ModelCIF file with pLDDT and N, C-alpha, C, O atoms, coordinates in Angstrom:
data_MODEL
#
_entry.id   MODEL 
#
_entity.id                         1 
_entity.type                       polymer 
_entity.pdbx_number_of_molecules   1 
#
_entity_poly.entity_id                      1 
_entity_poly.type                           'polypeptide(L)' 
_entity_poly.nstd_linkage                   no 
_entity_poly.nstd_monomer                   no 
_entity_poly.pdbx_seq_one_letter_code       YDGMEISLNIKCEGLSMQASLRKLQESTD 
_entity_poly.pdbx_seq_one_letter_code_can   YDGMEISLNIKCEGLSMQASLRKLQESTD 
_entity_poly.pdbx_strand_id                 A 
#
loop_
_entity_poly_seq.entity_id 
_entity_poly_seq.num 
_entity_poly_seq.mon_id 
_entity_poly_seq.hetero 
1 1  TYR n 
1 2  ASP n 
1 3  GLY n 
1 4  MET n 
1 5  GLU n 
1 6  ILE n 
1 7  SER n 
1 8  LEU n 
1 9  ASN n 
1 10 ILE n 
1 11 LYS n 
1 12 CYS n 
1 13 GLU n 
1 14 GLY n 
1 15 LEU n 
1 16 SER n 
1 17 MET n 
1 18 GLN n 
1 19 ALA n 
1 20 SER n 
1 21 LEU n 
1 22 ARG n 
1 23 LYS n 
1 24 LEU n 
1 25 GLN n 
1 26 GLU n 
1 27 SER n 
1 28 THR n 
1 29 ASP n 
#
_struct_asym.id          A 
_struct_asym.entity_id   1 
#
loop_
_ma_qa_metric.id 
_ma_qa_metric.mode 
_ma_qa_metric.name 
_ma_qa_metric.software_group_id 
_ma_qa_metric.type 
1 global pLDDT . pLDDT 
2 local  pLDDT . pLDDT 
#
_ma_qa_metric_global.metric_id      1 
_ma_qa_metric_global.metric_value   87.31 
_ma_qa_metric_global.model_id       1 
_ma_qa_metric_global.ordinal_id     1 
#
loop_
_ma_qa_metric_local.label_asym_id 
_ma_qa_metric_local.label_comp_id 
_ma_qa_metric_local.label_seq_id 
_ma_qa_metric_local.metric_id 
_ma_qa_metric_local.metric_value 
_ma_qa_metric_local.model_id 
_ma_qa_metric_local.ordinal_id 
A TYR 1  2 92.00 1 1  
A ASP 2  2 93.00 1 2  
A GLY 3  2 93.00 1 3  
A MET 4  2 91.00 1 4  
A GLU 5  2 92.00 1 5  
A ILE 6  2 92.00 1 6  
A SER 7  2 91.00 1 7  
A LEU 8  2 92.00 1 8  
A ASN 9  2 91.00 1 9  
A ILE 10 2 90.00 1 10 
A LYS 11 2 86.00 1 11 
A CYS 12 2 84.00 1 12 
A GLU 13 2 79.00 1 13 
A GLY 14 2 76.00 1 14 
A LEU 15 2 73.00 1 15 
A SER 16 2 78.00 1 16 
A MET 17 2 77.00 1 17 
A GLN 18 2 82.00 1 18 
A ALA 19 2 83.00 1 19 
A SER 20 2 82.00 1 20 
A LEU 21 2 84.00 1 21 
A ARG 22 2 87.00 1 22 
A LYS 23 2 89.00 1 23 
A LEU 24 2 89.00 1 24 
A GLN 25 2 91.00 1 25 
A GLU 26 2 93.00 1 26 
A SER 27 2 93.00 1 27 
A THR 28 2 94.00 1 28 
A ASP 29 2 95.00 1 29 
#
loop_
_atom_site.group_PDB 
_atom_site.id 
_atom_site.type_symbol 
_atom_site.label_atom_id 
_atom_site.label_alt_id 
_atom_site.label_comp_id 
_atom_site.label_asym_id 
_atom_site.label_entity_id 
_atom_site.label_seq_id 
_atom_site.pdbx_PDB_ins_code 
_atom_site.Cartn_x 
_atom_site.Cartn_y 
_atom_site.Cartn_z 
_atom_site.occupancy 
_atom_site.B_iso_or_equiv 
_atom_site.pdbx_formal_charge 
_atom_site.auth_seq_id 
_atom_site.auth_comp_id 
_atom_site.auth_asym_id 
_atom_site.auth_atom_id 
_atom_site.pdbx_PDB_model_num 
ATOM 1   N N  . TYR A 1 1  ? 17.909  30.336 -91.953  1.00 92.00 ? 1  TYR A N  1 
ATOM 2   C CA . TYR A 1 1  ? 16.928  29.512 -92.646  1.00 92.00 ? 1  TYR A CA 1 
ATOM 3   C C  . TYR A 1 1  ? 17.034  29.787 -94.147  1.00 92.00 ? 1  TYR A C  1 
ATOM 4   O O  . TYR A 1 1  ? 17.197  30.933 -94.565  1.00 92.00 ? 1  TYR A O  1 
ATOM 5   N N  . ASP A 1 2  ? 16.941  28.729 -94.949  1.00 93.00 ? 2  ASP A N  1 
ATOM 6   C CA . ASP A 1 2  ? 17.041  28.914 -96.401  1.00 93.00 ? 2  ASP A CA 1 
ATOM 7   C C  . ASP A 1 2  ? 15.744  28.583 -97.125  1.00 93.00 ? 2  ASP A C  1 
ATOM 8   O O  . ASP A 1 2  ? 15.682  28.670 -98.351  1.00 93.00 ? 2  ASP A O  1 
ATOM 9   N N  . GLY A 1 3  ? 14.704  28.202 -96.379  1.00 93.00 ? 3  GLY A N  1 
ATOM 10  C CA . GLY A 1 3  ? 13.419  27.894 -96.992  1.00 93.00 ? 3  GLY A CA 1 
ATOM 11  C C  . GLY A 1 3  ? 12.298  28.682 -96.341  1.00 93.00 ? 3  GLY A C  1 
ATOM 12  O O  . GLY A 1 3  ? 12.389  29.061 -95.173  1.00 93.00 ? 3  GLY A O  1 
ATOM 13  N N  . MET A 1 4  ? 11.236  28.929 -97.103  1.00 91.00 ? 4  MET A N  1 
ATOM 14  C CA . MET A 1 4  ? 10.116  29.728 -96.603  1.00 91.00 ? 4  MET A CA 1 
ATOM 15  C C  . MET A 1 4  ? 8.804   29.159 -97.145  1.00 91.00 ? 4  MET A C  1 
ATOM 16  O O  . MET A 1 4  ? 8.704   28.792 -98.316  1.00 91.00 ? 4  MET A O  1 
ATOM 17  N N  . GLU A 1 5  ? 7.810   29.096 -96.275  1.00 92.00 ? 5  GLU A N  1 
ATOM 18  C CA . GLU A 1 5  ? 6.453   28.753 -96.719  1.00 92.00 ? 5  GLU A CA 1 
ATOM 19  C C  . GLU A 1 5  ? 5.544   29.940 -96.441  1.00 92.00 ? 5  GLU A C  1 
ATOM 20  O O  . GLU A 1 5  ? 5.530   30.478 -95.333  1.00 92.00 ? 5  GLU A O  1 
ATOM 21  N N  . ILE A 1 6  ? 4.799   30.338 -97.438  1.00 92.00 ? 6  ILE A N  1 
ATOM 22  C CA . ILE A 1 6  ? 3.850   31.446 -97.321  1.00 92.00 ? 6  ILE A CA 1 
ATOM 23  C C  . ILE A 1 6  ? 2.452   30.893 -97.565  1.00 92.00 ? 6  ILE A C  1 
ATOM 24  O O  . ILE A 1 6  ? 2.214   30.211 -98.561  1.00 92.00 ? 6  ILE A O  1 
ATOM 25  N N  . SER A 1 7  ? 1.537   31.187 -96.661  1.00 91.00 ? 7  SER A N  1 
ATOM 26  C CA . SER A 1 7  ? 0.165   30.712 -96.806  1.00 91.00 ? 7  SER A CA 1 
ATOM 27  C C  . SER A 1 7  ? -0.798  31.890 -96.843  1.00 91.00 ? 7  SER A C  1 
ATOM 28  O O  . SER A 1 7  ? -0.569  32.925 -96.217  1.00 91.00 ? 7  SER A O  1 
ATOM 29  N N  . LEU A 1 8  ? -1.876  31.707 -97.589  1.00 92.00 ? 8  LEU A N  1 
ATOM 30  C CA . LEU A 1 8  ? -2.906  32.734 -97.704  1.00 92.00 ? 8  LEU A CA 1 
ATOM 31  C C  . LEU A 1 8  ? -4.266  32.056 -97.598  1.00 92.00 ? 8  LEU A C  1 
ATOM 32  O O  . LEU A 1 8  ? -4.577  31.136 -98.355  1.00 92.00 ? 8  LEU A O  1 
ATOM 33  N N  . ASN A 1 9  ? -5.067  32.521 -96.653  1.00 91.00 ? 9  ASN A N  1 
ATOM 34  C CA . ASN A 1 9  ? -6.410  31.972 -96.465  1.00 91.00 ? 9  ASN A CA 1 
ATOM 35  C C  . ASN A 1 9  ? -7.452  32.981 -96.933  1.00 91.00 ? 9  ASN A C  1 
ATOM 36  O O  . ASN A 1 9  ? -7.392  34.162 -96.590  1.00 91.00 ? 9  ASN A O  1 
ATOM 37  N N  . ILE A 1 10 ? -8.405  32.495 -97.721  1.00 90.00 ? 10 ILE A N  1 
ATOM 38  C CA . ILE A 1 10 ? -9.530  33.317 -98.174  1.00 90.00 ? 10 ILE A CA 1 
ATOM 39  C C  . ILE A 1 10 ? -10.804 32.691 -97.625  1.00 90.00 ? 10 ILE A C  1 
ATOM 40  O O  . ILE A 1 10 ? -11.015 31.484 -97.746  1.00 90.00 ? 10 ILE A O  1 
ATOM 41  N N  . LYS A 1 11 ? -11.648 33.517 -97.023  1.00 86.00 ? 11 LYS A N  1 
ATOM 42  C CA . LYS A 1 11 ? -12.909 33.035 -96.474  1.00 86.00 ? 11 LYS A CA 1 
ATOM 43  C C  . LYS A 1 11 ? -14.070 33.706 -97.200  1.00 86.00 ? 11 LYS A C  1 
ATOM 44  O O  . LYS A 1 11 ? -14.096 34.929 -97.345  1.00 86.00 ? 11 LYS A O  1 
ATOM 45  N N  . CYS A 1 12 ? -15.016 32.914 -97.650  1.00 84.00 ? 12 CYS A N  1 
ATOM 46  C CA . CYS A 1 12 ? -16.206 33.445 -98.309  1.00 84.00 ? 12 CYS A CA 1 
ATOM 47  C C  . CYS A 1 12 ? -17.449 32.881 -97.639  1.00 84.00 ? 12 CYS A C  1 
ATOM 48  O O  . CYS A 1 12 ? -17.426 31.777 -97.095  1.00 84.00 ? 12 CYS A O  1 
ATOM 49  N N  . GLU A 1 13 ? -18.523 33.640 -97.682  1.00 79.00 ? 13 GLU A N  1 
ATOM 50  C CA . GLU A 1 13 ? -19.769 33.182 -97.085  1.00 79.00 ? 13 GLU A CA 1 
ATOM 51  C C  . GLU A 1 13 ? -20.942 33.507 -97.991  1.00 79.00 ? 13 GLU A C  1 
ATOM 52  O O  . GLU A 1 13 ? -20.918 34.484 -98.739  1.00 79.00 ? 13 GLU A O  1 
ATOM 53  N N  . GLY A 1 14 ? -21.962 32.677 -97.911  1.00 76.00 ? 14 GLY A N  1 
ATOM 54  C CA . GLY A 1 14 ? -23.159 32.869 -98.721  1.00 76.00 ? 14 GLY A CA 1 
ATOM 55  C C  . GLY A 1 14 ? -24.348 32.192 -98.058  1.00 76.00 ? 14 GLY A C  1 
ATOM 56  O O  . GLY A 1 14 ? -24.214 31.554 -97.014  1.00 76.00 ? 14 GLY A O  1 
ATOM 57  N N  . LEU A 1 15 ? -25.505 32.338 -98.676  1.00 73.00 ? 15 LEU A N  1 
ATOM 58  C CA . LEU A 1 15 ? -26.705 31.744 -98.108  1.00 73.00 ? 15 LEU A CA 1 
ATOM 59  C C  . LEU A 1 15 ? -26.733 30.238 -98.283  1.00 73.00 ? 15 LEU A C  1 
ATOM 60  O O  . LEU A 1 15 ? -27.525 29.547 -97.641  1.00 73.00 ? 15 LEU A O  1 
ATOM 61  N N  . SER A 1 16 ? -25.867 29.726 -99.152  1.00 78.00 ? 16 SER A N  1 
ATOM 62  C CA . SER A 1 16 ? -25.752 28.289 -99.342  1.00 78.00 ? 16 SER A CA 1 
ATOM 63  C C  . SER A 1 16 ? -24.278 27.950 -99.515  1.00 78.00 ? 16 SER A C  1 
ATOM 64  O O  . SER A 1 16 ? -23.466 28.824 -99.817  1.00 78.00 ? 16 SER A O  1 
ATOM 65  N N  . MET A 1 17 ? -23.937 26.688 -99.326  1.00 77.00 ? 17 MET A N  1 
ATOM 66  C CA . MET A 1 17 ? -22.548 26.285 -99.523  1.00 77.00 ? 17 MET A CA 1 
ATOM 67  C C  . MET A 1 17 ? -22.148 26.461 -100.975 1.00 77.00 ? 17 MET A C  1 
ATOM 68  O O  . MET A 1 17 ? -21.008 26.815 -101.273 1.00 77.00 ? 17 MET A O  1 
ATOM 69  N N  . GLN A 1 18 ? -23.082 26.216 -101.871 1.00 82.00 ? 18 GLN A N  1 
ATOM 70  C CA . GLN A 1 18 ? -22.786 26.390 -103.292 1.00 82.00 ? 18 GLN A CA 1 
ATOM 71  C C  . GLN A 1 18 ? -22.414 27.841 -103.600 1.00 82.00 ? 18 GLN A C  1 
ATOM 72  O O  . GLN A 1 18 ? -21.489 28.104 -104.368 1.00 82.00 ? 18 GLN A O  1 
ATOM 73  N N  . ALA A 1 19 ? -23.141 28.776 -102.994 1.00 83.00 ? 19 ALA A N  1 
ATOM 74  C CA . ALA A 1 19 ? -22.847 30.194 -103.207 1.00 83.00 ? 19 ALA A CA 1 
ATOM 75  C C  . ALA A 1 19 ? -21.497 30.559 -102.607 1.00 83.00 ? 19 ALA A C  1 
ATOM 76  O O  . ALA A 1 19 ? -20.741 31.334 -103.194 1.00 83.00 ? 19 ALA A O  1 
ATOM 77  N N  . SER A 1 20 ? -21.195 30.003 -101.441 1.00 82.00 ? 20 SER A N  1 
ATOM 78  C CA . SER A 1 20 ? -19.907 30.283 -100.800 1.00 82.00 ? 20 SER A CA 1 
ATOM 79  C C  . SER A 1 20 ? -18.757 29.772 -101.650 1.00 82.00 ? 20 SER A C  1 
ATOM 80  O O  . SER A 1 20 ? -17.757 30.467 -101.832 1.00 82.00 ? 20 SER A O  1 
ATOM 81  N N  . LEU A 1 21 ? -18.897 28.558 -102.169 1.00 84.00 ? 21 LEU A N  1 
ATOM 82  C CA . LEU A 1 21 ? -17.837 27.972 -102.982 1.00 84.00 ? 21 LEU A CA 1 
ATOM 83  C C  . LEU A 1 21 ? -17.657 28.725 -104.298 1.00 84.00 ? 21 LEU A C  1 
ATOM 84  O O  . LEU A 1 21 ? -16.544 28.834 -104.813 1.00 84.00 ? 21 LEU A O  1 
ATOM 85  N N  . ARG A 1 22 ? -18.757 29.240 -104.835 1.00 87.00 ? 22 ARG A N  1 
ATOM 86  C CA . ARG A 1 22 ? -18.654 30.014 -106.086 1.00 87.00 ? 22 ARG A CA 1 
ATOM 87  C C  . ARG A 1 22 ? -17.861 31.303 -105.839 1.00 87.00 ? 22 ARG A C  1 
ATOM 88  O O  . ARG A 1 22 ? -16.997 31.670 -106.635 1.00 87.00 ? 22 ARG A O  1 
ATOM 89  N N  . LYS A 1 23 ? -18.165 31.984 -104.725 1.00 89.00 ? 23 LYS A N  1 
ATOM 90  C CA . LYS A 1 23 ? -17.406 33.189 -104.379 1.00 89.00 ? 23 LYS A CA 1 
ATOM 91  C C  . LYS A 1 23 ? -15.939 32.843 -104.130 1.00 89.00 ? 23 LYS A C  1 
ATOM 92  O O  . LYS A 1 23 ? -15.037 33.595 -104.501 1.00 89.00 ? 23 LYS A O  1 
ATOM 93  N N  . LEU A 1 24 ? -15.723 31.704 -103.502 1.00 89.00 ? 24 LEU A N  1 
ATOM 94  C CA . LEU A 1 24 ? -14.369 31.268 -103.198 1.00 89.00 ? 24 LEU A CA 1 
ATOM 95  C C  . LEU A 1 24 ? -13.574 31.039 -104.475 1.00 89.00 ? 24 LEU A C  1 
ATOM 96  O O  . LEU A 1 24 ? -12.410 31.427 -104.565 1.00 89.00 ? 24 LEU A O  1 
ATOM 97  N N  . GLN A 1 25 ? -14.196 30.415 -105.452 1.00 91.00 ? 25 GLN A N  1 
ATOM 98  C CA . GLN A 1 25 ? -13.525 30.158 -106.727 1.00 91.00 ? 25 GLN A CA 1 
ATOM 99  C C  . GLN A 1 25 ? -13.203 31.457 -107.444 1.00 91.00 ? 25 GLN A C  1 
ATOM 100 O O  . GLN A 1 25 ? -12.118 31.609 -108.006 1.00 91.00 ? 25 GLN A O  1 
ATOM 101 N N  . GLU A 1 26 ? -14.146 32.399 -107.426 1.00 93.00 ? 26 GLU A N  1 
ATOM 102 C CA . GLU A 1 26 ? -13.924 33.690 -108.082 1.00 93.00 ? 26 GLU A CA 1 
ATOM 103 C C  . GLU A 1 26 ? -12.776 34.449 -107.414 1.00 93.00 ? 26 GLU A C  1 
ATOM 104 O O  . GLU A 1 26 ? -11.939 35.043 -108.094 1.00 93.00 ? 26 GLU A O  1 
ATOM 105 N N  . SER A 1 27 ? -12.743 34.425 -106.088 1.00 93.00 ? 27 SER A N  1 
ATOM 106 C CA . SER A 1 27 ? -11.681 35.123 -105.359 1.00 93.00 ? 27 SER A CA 1 
ATOM 107 C C  . SER A 1 27 ? -10.327 34.466 -105.607 1.00 93.00 ? 27 SER A C  1 
ATOM 108 O O  . SER A 1 27 ? -9.320  35.149 -105.794 1.00 93.00 ? 27 SER A O  1 
ATOM 109 N N  . THR A 1 28 ? -10.311 33.134 -105.606 1.00 94.00 ? 28 THR A N  1 
ATOM 110 C CA . THR A 1 28 ? -9.063  32.407 -105.853 1.00 94.00 ? 28 THR A CA 1 
ATOM 111 C C  . THR A 1 28 ? -8.533  32.705 -107.243 1.00 94.00 ? 28 THR A C  1 
ATOM 112 O O  . THR A 1 28 ? -7.339  32.949 -107.416 1.00 94.00 ? 28 THR A O  1 
ATOM 113 N N  . ASP A 1 29 ? -9.411  32.687 -108.232 1.00 95.00 ? 29 ASP A N  1 
ATOM 114 C CA . ASP A 1 29 ? -9.004  32.985 -109.613 1.00 95.00 ? 29 ASP A CA 1 
ATOM 115 C C  . ASP A 1 29 ? -8.439  34.403 -109.723 1.00 95.00 ? 29 ASP A C  1 
ATOM 116 O O  . ASP A 1 29 ? -8.046  34.828 -110.810 1.00 95.00 ? 29 ASP A O  1 
#
């Protein structure tokens, strides 16, 4: 094989979806 795909999943949780997404953005950054 000469090609490779690498995936990384990050999961965040909070009391609201807004809080979860904020943590997700911080972790991604």
